[in-house]
Amino acid sequence: MEITRLKDGRTIAFEDYGDPKGTPVIFSHGFSDSRIIRHPDDAVTASLGLRIIAADQPGVGGSSPLKNRRMVNWGPDMEQLADRLGLG
């Protein structure tokens, strides 16, 4: 698990796995899941040429909560994470 701090001071916990030079894919888990829901063999993801970035949504797992959050808040959070990871 990695953690990054967002501009508003909250933290986002995430996993970065697969091919580090592969096509980046931001995985958004569903309700009651977390960043750890994934195929157990990272070699499968890497063989597909994918780099998966899976983050805990606010208030889930290792991510800070966001009061009165809505799904539309997730986009700017992921944009900040993508910028921090240099995804462009």
N, C-alpha and C. Protein backbone atom coordinates (compact mmCIF):
# COMPACT_ATOMS: atom_id res chain seq x y z
N MET A 1 0.86 -1.18 0.00
CA MET A 1 0.00 0.00 0.00
C MET A 1 0.90 1.24 0.00
N GLU A 2 0.52 2.17 -0.85
CA GLU A 2 1.17 3.48 -0.88
C GLU A 2 0.12 4.51 -0.49
N ILE A 3 0.58 5.63 0.03
CA ILE A 3 -0.33 6.70 0.44
C ILE A 3 0.19 8.02 -0.09
N THR A 4 -0.72 8.85 -0.61
CA THR A 4 -0.35 10.19 -1.03
C THR A 4 -1.32 11.18 -0.40
N ARG A 5 -0.84 12.39 -0.21
CA ARG A 5 -1.66 13.45 0.38
C ARG A 5 -2.23 14.32 -0.72
N LEU A 6 -3.53 14.62 -0.62
CA LEU A 6 -4.21 15.48 -1.58
C LEU A 6 -4.08 16.94 -1.17
N LYS A 7 -4.42 17.84 -2.08
CA LYS A 7 -4.30 19.27 -1.82
C LYS A 7 -5.09 19.74 -0.60
N ASP A 8 -6.22 19.07 -0.31
CA ASP A 8 -7.04 19.49 0.83
C ASP A 8 -6.59 18.85 2.15
N GLY A 9 -5.48 18.10 2.11
CA GLY A 9 -4.93 17.49 3.33
C GLY A 9 -5.34 16.04 3.55
N ARG A 10 -6.36 15.57 2.84
CA ARG A 10 -6.74 14.16 2.99
C ARG A 10 -5.68 13.26 2.37
N THR A 11 -5.74 11.98 2.74
CA THR A 11 -4.83 11.01 2.15
C THR A 11 -5.61 10.00 1.32
N ILE A 12 -4.94 9.49 0.30
CA ILE A 12 -5.50 8.44 -0.55
C ILE A 12 -4.52 7.27 -0.51
N ALA A 13 -5.03 6.10 -0.12
CA ALA A 13 -4.23 4.88 -0.14
C ALA A 13 -4.45 4.20 -1.49
N PHE A 14 -3.38 3.67 -2.06
CA PHE A 14 -3.51 3.03 -3.37
C PHE A 14 -2.47 1.92 -3.55
N GLU A 15 -2.74 1.08 -4.54
CA GLU A 15 -1.83 0.03 -4.98
C GLU A 15 -1.48 0.34 -6.43
N ASP A 16 -0.24 0.11 -6.80
CA ASP A 16 0.24 0.32 -8.16
C ASP A 16 0.90 -0.98 -8.58
N TYR A 17 0.29 -1.72 -9.51
CA TYR A 17 0.81 -3.04 -9.85
C TYR A 17 0.66 -3.33 -11.33
N GLY A 18 1.24 -4.42 -11.76
CA GLY A 18 1.25 -4.77 -13.17
C GLY A 18 2.57 -4.34 -13.79
N ASP A 19 2.53 -3.96 -15.06
CA ASP A 19 3.72 -3.52 -15.79
C ASP A 19 3.96 -2.05 -15.49
N PRO A 20 5.06 -1.70 -14.79
CA PRO A 20 5.31 -0.29 -14.44
C PRO A 20 5.38 0.65 -15.65
N LYS A 21 5.71 0.11 -16.81
CA LYS A 21 5.78 0.91 -18.04
C LYS A 21 4.57 0.67 -18.94
N GLY A 22 3.60 -0.08 -18.43
CA GLY A 22 2.42 -0.42 -19.22
C GLY A 22 1.41 0.72 -19.30
N THR A 23 0.35 0.47 -20.03
CA THR A 23 -0.74 1.44 -20.16
C THR A 23 -1.42 1.60 -18.80
N PRO A 24 -1.45 2.83 -18.28
CA PRO A 24 -2.07 3.03 -16.96
C PRO A 24 -3.59 2.90 -17.01
N VAL A 25 -4.13 2.19 -16.04
CA VAL A 25 -5.56 2.02 -15.88
C VAL A 25 -5.91 2.36 -14.44
N ILE A 26 -6.77 3.33 -14.23
CA ILE A 26 -7.22 3.66 -12.87
C ILE A 26 -8.45 2.83 -12.58
N PHE A 27 -8.32 1.96 -11.59
CA PHE A 27 -9.41 1.07 -11.21
C PHE A 27 -10.19 1.70 -10.06
N SER A 28 -11.48 1.80 -10.23
CA SER A 28 -12.36 2.35 -9.18
C SER A 28 -13.24 1.23 -8.65
N HIS A 29 -12.99 0.85 -7.41
CA HIS A 29 -13.74 -0.26 -6.82
C HIS A 29 -15.18 0.15 -6.53
N GLY A 30 -16.03 -0.84 -6.40
CA GLY A 30 -17.44 -0.61 -6.10
C GLY A 30 -17.69 -0.44 -4.61
N PHE A 31 -18.93 -0.23 -4.28
CA PHE A 31 -19.35 -0.04 -2.90
C PHE A 31 -18.97 -1.27 -2.07
N SER A 32 -18.43 -1.06 -0.93
CA SER A 32 -18.02 -2.05 0.07
C SER A 32 -16.77 -2.84 -0.33
N ASP A 33 -16.08 -2.44 -1.39
CA ASP A 33 -14.80 -3.04 -1.75
C ASP A 33 -13.69 -2.04 -1.47
N SER A 34 -12.48 -2.41 -1.82
CA SER A 34 -11.33 -1.52 -1.61
C SER A 34 -10.29 -1.76 -2.69
N ARG A 35 -9.16 -1.10 -2.55
CA ARG A 35 -8.07 -1.20 -3.52
C ARG A 35 -7.53 -2.62 -3.65
N ILE A 36 -7.78 -3.48 -2.65
CA ILE A 36 -7.17 -4.81 -2.66
C ILE A 36 -7.96 -5.84 -3.48
N ILE A 37 -9.12 -5.47 -4.02
CA ILE A 37 -9.87 -6.41 -4.86
C ILE A 37 -9.19 -6.44 -6.23
N ARG A 38 -8.54 -7.57 -6.53
CA ARG A 38 -7.83 -7.70 -7.79
C ARG A 38 -7.47 -9.16 -8.02
N HIS A 39 -6.99 -9.44 -9.23
CA HIS A 39 -6.53 -10.78 -9.54
C HIS A 39 -5.28 -11.05 -8.68
N PRO A 40 -5.18 -12.23 -8.08
CA PRO A 40 -4.06 -12.49 -7.16
C PRO A 40 -2.70 -12.65 -7.83
N ASP A 41 -2.65 -12.82 -9.16
CA ASP A 41 -1.39 -13.03 -9.85
C ASP A 41 -1.05 -11.78 -10.66
N ASP A 42 -0.13 -10.95 -10.15
CA ASP A 42 0.24 -9.71 -10.83
C ASP A 42 0.90 -9.97 -12.19
N ALA A 43 1.42 -11.18 -12.39
CA ALA A 43 2.04 -11.50 -13.68
C ALA A 43 1.00 -11.47 -14.80
N VAL A 44 -0.24 -11.78 -14.49
CA VAL A 44 -1.31 -11.74 -15.50
C VAL A 44 -1.49 -10.30 -15.99
N THR A 45 -1.58 -9.38 -15.05
CA THR A 45 -1.75 -7.96 -15.41
C THR A 45 -0.55 -7.47 -16.20
N ALA A 46 0.64 -7.81 -15.73
CA ALA A 46 1.86 -7.36 -16.40
C ALA A 46 1.94 -7.94 -17.81
N SER A 47 1.54 -9.19 -17.99
CA SER A 47 1.61 -9.82 -19.32
C SER A 47 0.68 -9.13 -20.32
N LEU A 48 -0.33 -8.46 -19.84
CA LEU A 48 -1.25 -7.72 -20.70
C LEU A 48 -0.75 -6.31 -21.01
N GLY A 49 0.39 -5.94 -20.41
CA GLY A 49 0.95 -4.61 -20.64
C GLY A 49 0.18 -3.51 -19.94
N LEU A 50 -0.41 -3.86 -18.78
CA LEU A 50 -1.22 -2.89 -18.04
C LEU A 50 -0.57 -2.52 -16.72
N ARG A 51 -0.68 -1.27 -16.37
CA ARG A 51 -0.29 -0.76 -15.06
C ARG A 51 -1.58 -0.35 -14.37
N ILE A 52 -1.93 -1.06 -13.31
CA ILE A 52 -3.18 -0.79 -12.61
C ILE A 52 -2.91 0.06 -11.38
N ILE A 53 -3.66 1.15 -11.27
CA ILE A 53 -3.62 2.00 -10.09
C ILE A 53 -4.99 1.87 -9.44
N ALA A 54 -5.02 1.24 -8.27
CA ALA A 54 -6.27 1.00 -7.56
C ALA A 54 -6.22 1.75 -6.24
N ALA A 55 -7.12 2.71 -6.07
CA ALA A 55 -7.13 3.55 -4.87
C ALA A 55 -8.37 3.29 -4.03
N ASP A 56 -8.20 3.44 -2.73
CA ASP A 56 -9.35 3.38 -1.82
C ASP A 56 -10.13 4.68 -1.95
N GLN A 57 -11.44 4.57 -2.09
CA GLN A 57 -12.28 5.76 -2.13
C GLN A 57 -12.29 6.42 -0.75
N PRO A 58 -12.68 7.69 -0.66
CA PRO A 58 -12.68 8.39 0.62
C PRO A 58 -13.45 7.62 1.70
N GLY A 59 -12.80 7.47 2.85
CA GLY A 59 -13.42 6.78 3.98
C GLY A 59 -13.33 5.27 3.92
N VAL A 60 -12.65 4.74 2.92
CA VAL A 60 -12.51 3.29 2.76
C VAL A 60 -11.04 2.93 2.95
N GLY A 61 -10.79 1.80 3.62
CA GLY A 61 -9.41 1.33 3.79
C GLY A 61 -8.50 2.38 4.37
N GLY A 62 -7.44 2.72 3.66
CA GLY A 62 -6.45 3.67 4.15
C GLY A 62 -6.67 5.11 3.71
N SER A 63 -7.80 5.40 3.06
CA SER A 63 -8.06 6.77 2.60
C SER A 63 -8.90 7.55 3.61
N SER A 64 -8.56 8.83 3.73
CA SER A 64 -9.30 9.71 4.64
C SER A 64 -10.74 9.89 4.19
N PRO A 65 -11.66 10.07 5.12
CA PRO A 65 -13.04 10.33 4.73
C PRO A 65 -13.21 11.75 4.17
N LEU A 66 -14.28 11.94 3.44
CA LEU A 66 -14.66 13.25 2.93
C LEU A 66 -16.12 13.45 3.30
N LYS A 67 -16.37 14.40 4.17
CA LYS A 67 -17.74 14.64 4.64
C LYS A 67 -18.65 14.99 3.46
N ASN A 68 -19.83 14.39 3.46
CA ASN A 68 -20.85 14.64 2.42
C ASN A 68 -20.33 14.33 1.01
N ARG A 69 -19.48 13.35 0.89
CA ARG A 69 -18.89 13.05 -0.43
C ARG A 69 -19.92 12.49 -1.39
N ARG A 70 -19.67 12.71 -2.67
CA ARG A 70 -20.47 12.16 -3.76
C ARG A 70 -19.50 11.59 -4.79
N MET A 71 -19.99 10.77 -5.67
CA MET A 71 -19.10 10.15 -6.67
C MET A 71 -18.39 11.20 -7.52
N VAL A 72 -18.99 12.35 -7.74
CA VAL A 72 -18.34 13.37 -8.57
C VAL A 72 -17.07 13.91 -7.90
N ASN A 73 -16.91 13.70 -6.61
CA ASN A 73 -15.69 14.12 -5.91
C ASN A 73 -14.50 13.22 -6.26
N TRP A 74 -14.78 12.03 -6.76
CA TRP A 74 -13.74 11.04 -7.03
C TRP A 74 -12.84 11.45 -8.19
N GLY A 75 -13.40 12.08 -9.20
CA GLY A 75 -12.63 12.50 -10.37
C GLY A 75 -11.45 13.40 -10.02
N PRO A 76 -11.67 14.50 -9.30
CA PRO A 76 -10.55 15.37 -8.93
C PRO A 76 -9.52 14.67 -8.04
N ASP A 77 -9.97 13.76 -7.18
CA ASP A 77 -9.02 13.00 -6.35
C ASP A 77 -8.11 12.16 -7.25
N MET A 78 -8.70 11.47 -8.22
CA MET A 78 -7.92 10.62 -9.11
C MET A 78 -7.03 11.44 -10.04
N GLU A 79 -7.49 12.62 -10.40
CA GLU A 79 -6.66 13.51 -11.22
C GLU A 79 -5.39 13.89 -10.45
N GLN A 80 -5.54 14.21 -9.17
CA GLN A 80 -4.37 14.53 -8.36
C GLN A 80 -3.43 13.34 -8.22
N LEU A 81 -4.01 12.15 -8.01
CA LEU A 81 -3.18 10.95 -7.91
C LEU A 81 -2.44 10.70 -9.22
N ALA A 82 -3.14 10.81 -10.35
CA ALA A 82 -2.50 10.62 -11.66
C ALA A 82 -1.36 11.60 -11.85
N ASP A 83 -1.56 12.86 -11.47
CA ASP A 83 -0.50 13.86 -11.58
C ASP A 83 0.70 13.48 -10.72
N ARG A 84 0.46 13.03 -9.50
CA ARG A 84 1.55 12.64 -8.59
C ARG A 84 2.34 11.46 -9.14
N LEU A 85 1.64 10.58 -9.86
CA LEU A 85 2.31 9.40 -10.43
C LEU A 85 2.91 9.69 -11.80
N GLY A 86 2.74 10.92 -12.29
CA GLY A 86 3.31 11.31 -13.57
C GLY A 86 2.64 10.66 -14.77
N LEU A 87 1.32 10.41 -14.66
CA LEU A 87 0.61 9.74 -15.74
C LEU A 87 0.24 10.66 -16.89
N GLY A 88 0.29 11.97 -16.65
CA GLY A 88 -0.01 12.92 -17.72
C GLY A 88 -1.47 13.08 -18.05
